[in-house]
């Protein structure tokens, strides 16, 4: 009998318990990650608007890099979740090896391109000479951390896929402590160190990411679990395995790359609107990411639980899980949206910006709170349920269409054709979230999204 999706099914205690065991540590990990970025923004923000803009733009290059890592690792994690459900440990190790080779190659490409002319990369987004100079110096130092970040991504995603969320959380907490500590010392020149400003923030980030990678690999091999693989097990790859894996990985990768590319166009547009607009958007992005940690946690939990369920061959349970994730998402997103709206004025007191930037940022934070529920649900559907079910092509089509045929045209027209202020342009761009939710929900109402890829 055909199953349909009701938005408010009964959510049992067992489901909530399983979800929270996975989601809560991931939420904490994402909170720590966002807190690291927030700490960077706040500490650099004490130096001024130009410094905020410089670091924010430099981090856009890392953002695009991290989105490619997310696509590669996200694609691998879909396989690992389903292989874990089947108890196929040999192929789990092979997927881990494929992921490591892929991300290391990507990191080398980004590092090489960045080292050639870091200031030129900054100039793509902002032509202010001071911003280019500061951003270029920051980027040059942070580039050394990319290879460590790549390794951390693979192992973190892999561990999450089998429900081990504690190890990634531990290393993220250590990373936060390192980052804040060295930020304090190197940005402001404390404990006898020189005051290096944005370069100090870059060095602190590099130290934190190196420490993070070393600790995570130590924990993986100390535990002697499925990911403590020998080199021969990691490189046991052949062309058939490569083709089978990349049939799913490529759509996930393209999804994240297209999303990242559209986001970079957004940043490019905001950067051309001036340093004040760039600073306002950077603050909003940082705050939004802080509130989205719950979304990322629940989306990750849905990938794991949906993937494990499909791997076990339990299709009806998979459909019930999807219903319950949507039901919980509605409740949680309403609470978070309300908190964001109420705290927005107080959040802005943390930043040393002009009154104009402050007013624009406040309006944008209110816009985020209004659209938050729809954005939350869209993320759960696209990045969580559909991806975990192996329906990567649908996720790609929905996200690619809404960003490139709705979001990008609207932001370009708003900024350059109608010459609207930054908060109105931001409001136009965010309309694509509504379309994404509608299309995602429509796909979810069928059973066509369930795809056993193992």
Protein backbone atom coordinates (compact mmCIF):
# COMPACT_ATOMS: atom_id res chain seq x y z
CA UNK A 1 0.00 0.00 0.00
CA UNK A 2 1.35 3.41 -0.96
CA UNK A 3 2.72 5.48 1.91
CA UNK A 4 2.30 9.23 2.03
CA UNK A 5 4.01 11.82 4.19
CA UNK A 6 2.03 13.47 6.95
CA UNK A 7 3.88 16.41 8.47
CA UNK A 8 2.94 15.59 12.07
CA UNK A 9 3.21 11.84 12.77
CA UNK A 10 3.57 10.55 16.29
CA UNK A 11 7.21 10.82 17.33
CA UNK A 12 8.05 7.97 19.72
CA UNK A 13 10.62 8.07 22.48
CA UNK A 14 12.86 5.46 20.82
CA UNK A 15 13.16 7.54 17.65
CA UNK A 16 13.96 10.69 19.62
CA UNK A 17 16.54 8.84 21.68
CA UNK A 18 18.29 7.43 18.60
CA UNK A 19 18.15 10.78 16.83
CA UNK A 20 19.55 12.71 19.79
CA UNK A 21 22.37 10.21 20.34
CA UNK A 22 23.57 11.04 16.85
CA UNK A 23 22.38 14.61 16.39
CA UNK A 24 23.31 16.15 19.75
CA UNK A 25 27.09 15.53 19.56
CA UNK A 26 27.02 16.71 15.93
CA UNK A 27 25.13 19.82 17.02
CA UNK A 28 27.77 20.44 19.66
CA UNK A 29 30.51 19.86 17.10
CA UNK A 30 28.89 22.29 14.66
CA UNK A 31 28.38 24.74 17.52
CA UNK A 32 32.08 24.50 18.35
CA UNK A 33 33.00 24.98 14.68
CA UNK A 34 30.70 27.98 14.38
CA UNK A 35 32.04 29.29 17.68
CA UNK A 36 35.57 29.14 16.25
CA UNK A 37 34.41 31.25 13.30
CA UNK A 38 32.43 33.51 15.64
CA UNK A 39 35.51 33.96 17.85
CA UNK A 40 37.57 34.87 14.78
CA UNK A 41 34.95 37.37 13.61
CA UNK A 42 34.47 38.96 17.05
CA UNK A 43 38.19 39.21 17.82
CA UNK A 44 39.08 40.49 14.36
CA UNK A 45 36.00 42.72 14.59
CA UNK A 46 37.64 44.57 17.45
CA UNK A 47 40.18 45.80 14.90
CA UNK A 48 37.53 47.37 12.63
CA UNK A 49 35.25 46.95 9.60
CA UNK A 50 38.08 46.62 7.07
CA UNK A 51 39.60 43.72 9.01
CA UNK A 52 36.19 41.99 9.25
CA UNK A 53 35.74 42.33 5.49
CA UNK A 54 39.30 41.12 4.76
CA UNK A 55 39.02 37.96 6.86
CA UNK A 56 35.46 37.33 5.69
CA UNK A 57 36.45 37.47 2.03
CA UNK A 58 39.56 35.34 2.59
CA UNK A 59 37.33 32.76 4.24
CA UNK A 60 35.14 32.66 1.13
CA UNK A 61 37.99 30.85 -0.64
CA UNK A 62 38.11 28.36 2.22
CA UNK A 63 34.32 28.14 2.08
CA UNK A 64 34.42 27.03 -1.56
CA UNK A 65 37.19 24.56 -0.71
CA UNK A 66 35.22 23.21 2.25
CA UNK A 67 32.11 22.80 0.10
CA UNK A 68 34.02 20.55 -2.29
CA UNK A 69 35.27 18.58 0.72
CA UNK A 70 31.70 18.43 2.03
CA UNK A 71 30.46 17.09 -1.31
CA UNK A 72 33.15 14.43 -1.52
CA UNK A 73 32.86 13.38 2.12
CA UNK A 74 29.07 13.62 2.06
CA UNK A 75 28.95 11.29 -0.93
CA UNK A 76 31.29 8.84 0.78
CA UNK A 77 29.25 8.99 3.99
CA UNK A 78 26.08 7.89 2.14
CA UNK A 79 27.89 4.69 1.16
CA UNK A 80 29.40 4.20 4.61
CA UNK A 81 25.99 4.57 6.30
CA UNK A 82 24.42 1.96 4.03
CA UNK A 83 27.46 -0.37 4.15
CA UNK A 84 27.34 -0.11 7.95
CA UNK A 85 23.70 -1.23 7.86
CA UNK A 86 24.83 -4.25 5.79
CA UNK A 87 27.90 -4.83 8.02
CA UNK A 88 30.17 -4.65 4.94
CA UNK A 89 33.37 -3.48 6.64
CA UNK A 90 35.71 -4.17 3.72
CA UNK A 91 33.94 -1.70 1.45
CA UNK A 92 33.76 0.85 4.27
CA UNK A 93 37.58 0.90 4.34
CA UNK A 94 37.74 1.15 0.56
CA UNK A 95 35.35 4.14 0.55
CA UNK A 96 37.48 5.76 3.28
CA UNK A 97 40.56 5.33 1.07
CA UNK A 98 38.76 6.74 -1.95
CA UNK A 99 37.69 9.74 0.13
CA UNK A 100 41.23 10.41 1.39
CA UNK A 101 42.76 10.28 -2.08
CA UNK A 102 40.05 12.58 -3.44
CA UNK A 103 40.29 15.28 -0.76
CA UNK A 104 44.08 15.33 -0.72
CA UNK A 105 44.15 15.98 -4.47
CA UNK A 106 41.58 18.77 -4.09
CA UNK A 107 43.52 20.39 -1.23
CA UNK A 108 46.73 20.44 -3.28
CA UNK A 109 44.93 22.16 -6.17
CA UNK A 110 43.47 24.86 -3.89
CA UNK A 111 46.75 25.41 -2.05
CA UNK A 112 48.72 25.79 -5.28
CA UNK A 113 46.19 28.22 -6.78
CA UNK A 114 46.12 30.27 -3.58
CA UNK A 115 49.88 30.48 -3.12
CA UNK A 116 50.39 31.87 -6.64
CA UNK A 117 48.62 35.16 -5.88
CA UNK A 118 46.48 35.33 -2.72
CA UNK A 119 45.77 39.07 -3.06
CA UNK A 120 44.40 38.46 -6.56
CA UNK A 121 41.86 36.03 -5.14
CA UNK A 122 40.72 38.66 -2.62
CA UNK A 123 40.42 41.23 -5.42
CA UNK A 124 37.74 39.12 -7.10
CA UNK A 125 35.40 40.02 -4.25
CA UNK A 126 36.58 43.46 -3.17
CA UNK A 127 38.76 46.09 -4.89
CA UNK A 128 39.64 47.98 -1.70
CA UNK A 129 43.47 47.97 -1.58
CA UNK A 130 43.65 47.59 2.21
CA UNK A 131 41.15 44.74 2.17
CA UNK A 132 43.14 43.04 -0.62
CA UNK A 133 46.40 43.41 1.29
CA UNK A 134 45.09 42.19 4.65
CA UNK A 135 42.98 39.43 3.13
CA UNK A 136 45.90 38.22 1.00
CA UNK A 137 48.20 37.97 4.01
CA UNK A 138 45.55 36.09 5.99
CA UNK A 139 44.83 33.69 3.12
CA UNK A 140 48.51 32.89 2.45
CA UNK A 141 48.99 31.63 6.02
CA UNK A 142 45.68 29.76 6.28
CA UNK A 143 46.38 27.87 3.03
CA UNK A 144 48.90 25.71 4.90
CA UNK A 145 46.03 24.30 6.97
CA UNK A 146 44.01 23.04 3.99
CA UNK A 147 45.62 19.60 3.78
CA UNK A 148 44.99 19.02 7.49
CA UNK A 149 41.41 20.18 7.14
CA UNK A 150 40.90 17.72 4.26
CA UNK A 151 42.01 14.72 6.34
CA UNK A 152 39.88 15.84 9.29
CA UNK A 153 36.81 16.16 7.07
CA UNK A 154 37.09 12.58 5.77
CA UNK A 155 37.51 10.96 9.17
CA UNK A 156 34.86 13.14 10.84
CA UNK A 157 32.23 12.36 8.20
CA UNK A 158 33.14 8.68 8.23
CA UNK A 159 32.90 8.39 12.00
CA UNK A 160 29.55 10.18 12.00
CA UNK A 161 28.19 7.77 9.38
CA UNK A 162 28.49 4.83 11.77
CA UNK A 163 27.10 6.81 14.71
CA UNK A 164 30.43 7.67 16.37
CA UNK A 165 29.98 11.38 16.96
CA UNK A 166 32.09 11.66 20.12
CA UNK A 167 35.59 11.65 18.58
CA UNK A 168 34.88 14.49 16.11
CA UNK A 169 33.31 16.46 18.96
CA UNK A 170 36.37 16.04 21.19
CA UNK A 171 38.78 17.26 18.53
CA UNK A 172 36.53 20.21 17.70
CA UNK A 173 36.48 21.31 21.33
CA UNK A 174 40.28 21.14 21.47
CA UNK A 175 40.37 23.10 18.21
CA UNK A 176 38.14 25.82 19.67
CA UNK A 177 40.32 26.15 22.76
CA UNK A 178 43.50 26.36 20.65
CA UNK A 179 41.97 28.85 18.25
CA UNK A 180 40.64 31.22 20.90
CA UNK A 181 43.82 31.00 22.98
CA UNK A 182 46.19 31.73 20.10
CA UNK A 183 43.81 34.35 18.67
CA UNK A 184 43.99 36.22 21.96
CA UNK A 185 47.78 36.02 22.05
CA UNK A 186 48.60 36.68 18.40
CA UNK A 187 45.91 39.17 17.33
CA UNK A 188 46.35 41.52 20.27
CA UNK A 189 49.96 40.76 21.28
CA UNK A 190 49.42 39.19 24.70
CA UNK A 191 51.80 37.16 26.90
CA UNK A 192 54.83 38.71 25.24
CA UNK A 193 53.82 37.85 21.66
CA UNK A 194 53.74 40.52 18.93
CA UNK A 195 50.36 42.01 17.93
CA UNK A 196 49.90 40.52 14.45
CA UNK A 197 46.27 41.47 13.77
CA UNK A 198 44.66 39.43 10.97
CA UNK A 199 47.91 37.50 10.40
CA UNK A 200 47.75 36.43 14.04
CA UNK A 201 44.21 35.14 13.48
CA UNK A 202 45.47 33.14 10.49
CA UNK A 203 48.33 31.57 12.48
CA UNK A 204 45.91 30.67 15.28
CA UNK A 205 43.61 28.95 12.77
CA UNK A 206 46.54 26.99 11.30
CA UNK A 207 47.68 25.78 14.73
CA UNK A 208 44.14 24.75 15.68
CA UNK A 209 43.63 22.71 12.51
CA UNK A 210 46.96 20.90 12.77
CA UNK A 211 46.24 19.94 16.39
CA UNK A 212 42.71 18.86 15.43
CA UNK A 213 43.95 16.48 12.71
CA UNK A 214 46.66 14.90 14.85
CA UNK A 215 44.28 14.18 17.73
CA UNK A 216 41.53 12.78 15.49
CA UNK A 217 43.84 10.31 13.72
CA UNK A 218 45.29 9.28 17.10
CA UNK A 219 41.78 8.54 18.42
CA UNK A 220 40.83 6.55 15.30
CA UNK A 221 43.82 4.23 15.54
CA UNK A 222 43.76 4.03 19.32
CA UNK A 223 40.16 2.77 19.13
CA UNK A 224 41.16 0.11 16.53
CA UNK A 225 37.71 0.30 14.95
CA UNK A 226 36.67 -0.14 11.33
CA UNK A 227 38.48 3.06 10.23
CA UNK A 228 41.85 2.03 11.71
CA UNK A 229 42.66 0.62 8.30
CA UNK A 230 45.97 -0.52 6.86
CA UNK A 231 47.31 1.29 3.81
CA UNK A 232 46.67 -1.79 1.65
CA UNK A 233 43.00 -1.78 2.71
CA UNK A 234 42.62 1.92 1.92
CA UNK A 235 44.06 1.67 -1.59
CA UNK A 236 42.27 -1.58 -2.51
CA UNK A 237 40.50 0.27 -5.32
CA UNK A 238 39.58 -0.75 -8.85
CA UNK A 239 37.83 0.92 -11.75
CA UNK A 240 34.45 -0.77 -11.13
CA UNK A 241 34.44 0.33 -7.49
CA UNK A 242 35.48 3.83 -8.53
CA UNK A 243 32.64 4.09 -11.09
CA UNK A 244 30.02 2.71 -8.71
CA UNK A 245 31.06 5.09 -5.94
CA UNK A 246 31.32 8.21 -8.05
CA UNK A 247 27.88 7.68 -9.58
CA UNK A 248 26.57 8.85 -6.19
CA UNK A 249 29.50 11.02 -5.08
CA UNK A 250 29.48 13.21 -8.21
CA UNK A 251 25.85 14.41 -7.84
CA UNK A 252 26.47 15.13 -4.14
CA UNK A 253 29.70 16.93 -5.05
CA UNK A 254 28.05 18.92 -7.85
CA UNK A 255 25.22 19.82 -5.49
CA UNK A 256 27.60 21.29 -2.94
CA UNK A 257 29.85 22.90 -5.56
CA UNK A 258 26.92 24.59 -7.32
CA UNK A 259 25.64 25.77 -3.94
CA UNK A 260 29.09 27.04 -3.02
CA UNK A 261 29.56 28.73 -6.41
CA UNK A 262 26.22 30.49 -6.07
CA UNK A 263 27.15 31.54 -2.53
CA UNK A 264 30.42 32.94 -3.86
CA UNK A 265 28.49 34.96 -6.43
CA UNK A 266 26.41 36.28 -3.54
CA UNK A 267 29.63 37.28 -1.78
CA UNK A 268 30.97 38.83 -4.97
CA UNK A 269 27.82 40.93 -5.34
CA UNK A 270 27.89 42.02 -1.69
CA UNK A 271 31.60 42.80 -1.98
CA UNK A 272 30.94 45.08 -4.95
CA UNK A 273 28.30 46.88 -2.86
CA UNK A 274 31.03 48.15 -0.53
CA UNK A 275 32.98 47.29 2.60
CA UNK A 276 30.02 48.14 4.84
CA UNK A 277 27.75 45.72 2.98
CA UNK A 278 30.44 43.03 3.14
CA UNK A 279 30.84 43.50 6.89
CA UNK A 280 27.05 43.34 7.43
CA UNK A 281 26.73 40.12 5.44
CA UNK A 282 29.75 38.59 7.19
CA UNK A 283 28.18 39.24 10.60
CA UNK A 284 24.83 37.81 9.46
CA UNK A 285 26.49 34.74 7.98
CA UNK A 286 28.38 34.07 11.19
CA UNK A 287 25.26 34.47 13.34
CA UNK A 288 23.12 32.42 10.95
CA UNK A 289 25.64 29.57 10.98
CA UNK A 290 25.58 29.60 14.76
CA UNK A 291 21.80 29.11 14.74
CA UNK A 292 21.97 26.52 11.96
CA UNK A 293 24.07 24.09 14.01
CA UNK A 294 20.90 22.31 15.11
CA UNK A 295 19.83 21.97 11.48
CA UNK A 296 23.18 20.49 10.48
CA UNK A 297 23.03 18.10 13.42
CA UNK A 298 19.55 16.87 12.56
CA UNK A 299 20.36 16.66 8.84
CA UNK A 300 23.43 14.55 9.65
CA UNK A 301 21.35 12.33 11.92
CA UNK A 302 18.80 11.84 9.15
CA UNK A 303 21.54 10.87 6.66
CA UNK A 304 22.84 8.25 9.09
CA UNK A 305 19.48 6.86 10.27
CA UNK A 306 17.91 6.87 6.80
CA UNK A 307 21.04 5.32 5.26
CA UNK A 308 21.37 2.62 7.93
CA UNK A 309 17.67 1.79 7.60
CA UNK A 310 17.90 1.39 3.82
CA UNK A 311 21.07 -0.70 4.20
CA UNK A 312 19.13 -2.99 6.54
CA UNK A 313 16.38 -3.32 3.91
CA UNK A 314 13.67 -1.66 6.07
CA UNK A 315 11.82 0.53 3.56
CA UNK A 316 8.69 1.18 5.64
CA UNK A 317 10.82 2.22 8.62
CA UNK A 318 12.72 4.59 6.31
CA UNK A 319 9.49 6.36 5.35
CA UNK A 320 8.44 6.66 8.99
CA UNK A 321 11.83 8.13 9.87
CA UNK A 322 11.40 10.78 7.17
CA UNK A 323 8.00 11.77 8.57
CA UNK A 324 9.33 12.03 12.09
CA UNK A 325 12.33 14.13 11.10
CA UNK A 326 9.99 16.65 9.47
CA UNK A 327 7.73 16.73 12.51
CA UNK A 328 10.59 17.39 14.93
CA UNK A 329 12.06 19.98 12.56
CA UNK A 330 8.92 22.13 12.60
CA UNK A 331 8.92 22.29 16.39
CA UNK A 332 12.65 23.00 16.76
CA UNK A 333 12.81 25.61 13.98
CA UNK A 334 9.99 27.69 15.49
CA UNK A 335 11.87 27.89 18.79
CA UNK A 336 15.18 28.83 17.15
CA UNK A 337 13.60 31.46 14.90
CA UNK A 338 12.00 33.10 17.93
CA UNK A 339 15.29 33.13 19.86
CA UNK A 340 17.12 34.71 16.92
CA UNK A 341 14.54 37.46 16.51
CA UNK A 342 14.61 38.30 20.23
CA UNK A 343 18.40 38.30 20.62
CA UNK A 344 19.36 40.05 17.35
CA UNK A 345 19.77 43.55 18.89
CA UNK A 346 21.98 42.19 21.68
CA UNK A 347 24.15 40.18 19.27
CA UNK A 348 25.09 43.35 17.40
CA UNK A 349 26.58 44.92 20.53
CA UNK A 350 29.50 42.47 20.10
CA UNK A 351 30.69 44.19 16.92
CA UNK A 352 32.48 47.49 16.46
CA UNK A 353 30.67 48.73 13.33
CA UNK A 354 29.06 51.96 12.15
CA UNK A 355 25.41 52.79 12.79
CA UNK A 356 24.56 52.23 9.11
CA UNK A 357 26.07 48.75 9.12
CA UNK A 358 24.39 48.00 12.45
CA UNK A 359 20.92 48.97 11.14
CA UNK A 360 21.28 46.96 7.92
CA UNK A 361 22.55 43.94 9.83
CA UNK A 362 19.64 44.07 12.27
CA UNK A 363 17.09 44.06 9.45
CA UNK A 364 18.89 41.14 7.81
CA UNK A 365 18.87 39.15 11.05
CA UNK A 366 15.12 39.68 11.28
CA UNK A 367 14.75 38.45 7.69
CA UNK A 368 16.73 35.33 8.60
CA UNK A 369 14.47 34.67 11.58
CA UNK A 370 11.32 35.00 9.44
CA UNK A 371 12.54 32.53 6.80
CA UNK A 372 14.30 30.24 9.30
CA UNK A 373 11.55 27.59 9.51
CA UNK A 374 11.43 27.09 5.75
CA UNK A 375 15.24 27.05 5.52
CA UNK A 376 15.44 24.48 8.34
CA UNK A 377 12.94 22.12 6.70
CA UNK A 378 14.56 22.51 3.29
CA UNK A 379 17.94 21.55 4.74
CA UNK A 380 16.52 18.46 6.45
CA UNK A 381 14.88 17.30 3.22
CA UNK A 382 17.64 18.07 0.71
CA UNK A 383 20.85 17.54 2.68
CA UNK A 384 19.44 14.98 5.10
CA UNK A 385 16.64 12.67 4.00
CA UNK A 386 17.13 12.62 0.22
CA UNK A 387 20.91 12.40 0.47
CA UNK A 388 20.82 9.63 3.06
CA UNK A 389 18.40 7.71 0.84
CA UNK A 390 20.83 7.85 -2.07
CA UNK A 391 18.57 10.22 -4.05
CA UNK A 392 21.49 12.51 -4.82
CA UNK A 393 20.31 13.45 -8.31
CA UNK A 394 17.04 14.91 -7.03
CA UNK A 395 18.90 16.92 -4.41
CA UNK A 396 21.19 18.24 -7.15
CA UNK A 397 18.31 19.22 -9.43
CA UNK A 398 16.33 20.97 -6.70
CA UNK A 399 19.20 22.89 -5.15
CA UNK A 400 20.83 23.70 -8.47
CA UNK A 401 17.60 25.05 -9.96
CA UNK A 402 16.55 27.18 -6.99
CA UNK A 403 19.92 28.82 -6.47
CA UNK A 404 20.89 29.43 -10.09
CA UNK A 405 17.50 30.26 -11.57
CA UNK A 406 15.97 32.09 -8.59
CA UNK A 407 18.56 33.20 -6.02
CA UNK A 408 21.42 34.32 -8.29
CA UNK A 409 19.27 36.30 -10.79
CA UNK A 410 17.38 38.04 -7.97
CA UNK A 411 20.50 39.14 -6.10
CA UNK A 412 22.18 40.43 -9.28
CA UNK A 413 19.08 42.37 -10.35
CA UNK A 414 18.54 43.74 -6.85
CA UNK A 415 22.12 44.97 -6.47
CA UNK A 416 23.01 46.20 -9.95
CA UNK A 417 19.74 46.79 -11.81
CA UNK A 418 17.53 48.20 -9.06
CA UNK A 419 20.46 49.31 -6.83
CA UNK A 420 18.67 48.31 -3.64
CA UNK A 421 20.29 48.58 -0.18
CA UNK A 422 22.06 45.49 1.10
CA UNK A 423 19.26 44.30 3.41
CA UNK A 424 16.72 44.36 0.56
CA UNK A 425 19.09 42.49 -1.76
CA UNK A 426 19.62 39.94 1.01
CA UNK A 427 15.85 39.55 1.34
CA UNK A 428 15.49 38.89 -2.40
CA UNK A 429 18.22 36.25 -2.40
CA UNK A 430 16.66 34.34 0.44
CA UNK A 431 13.41 33.77 -1.50
CA UNK A 432 15.01 30.75 -3.15
CA UNK A 433 14.71 28.93 0.18
CA UNK A 434 10.92 28.90 -0.21
CA UNK A 435 11.11 27.33 -3.67
CA UNK A 436 13.64 24.77 -2.42
CA UNK A 437 11.35 23.68 0.40
CA UNK A 438 8.30 23.33 -1.88
CA UNK A 439 10.17 21.23 -4.47
CA UNK A 440 11.85 19.10 -1.80
CA UNK A 441 8.57 18.35 -0.04
CA UNK A 442 6.96 17.44 -3.36
CA UNK A 443 9.74 14.91 -4.02
CA UNK A 444 9.42 13.50 -0.53
CA UNK A 445 5.71 12.75 -0.94
CA UNK A 446 6.57 9.86 -3.26
CA UNK A 447 8.59 6.69 -2.60
CA UNK A 448 10.86 7.35 -5.56
CA UNK A 449 13.57 8.83 -3.34
CA UNK A 450 14.46 5.52 -1.64
CA UNK A 451 17.56 4.10 -3.35
CA UNK A 452 19.67 1.24 -2.02
CA UNK A 453 23.09 2.00 -3.53
CA UNK A 454 25.01 -0.92 -2.00
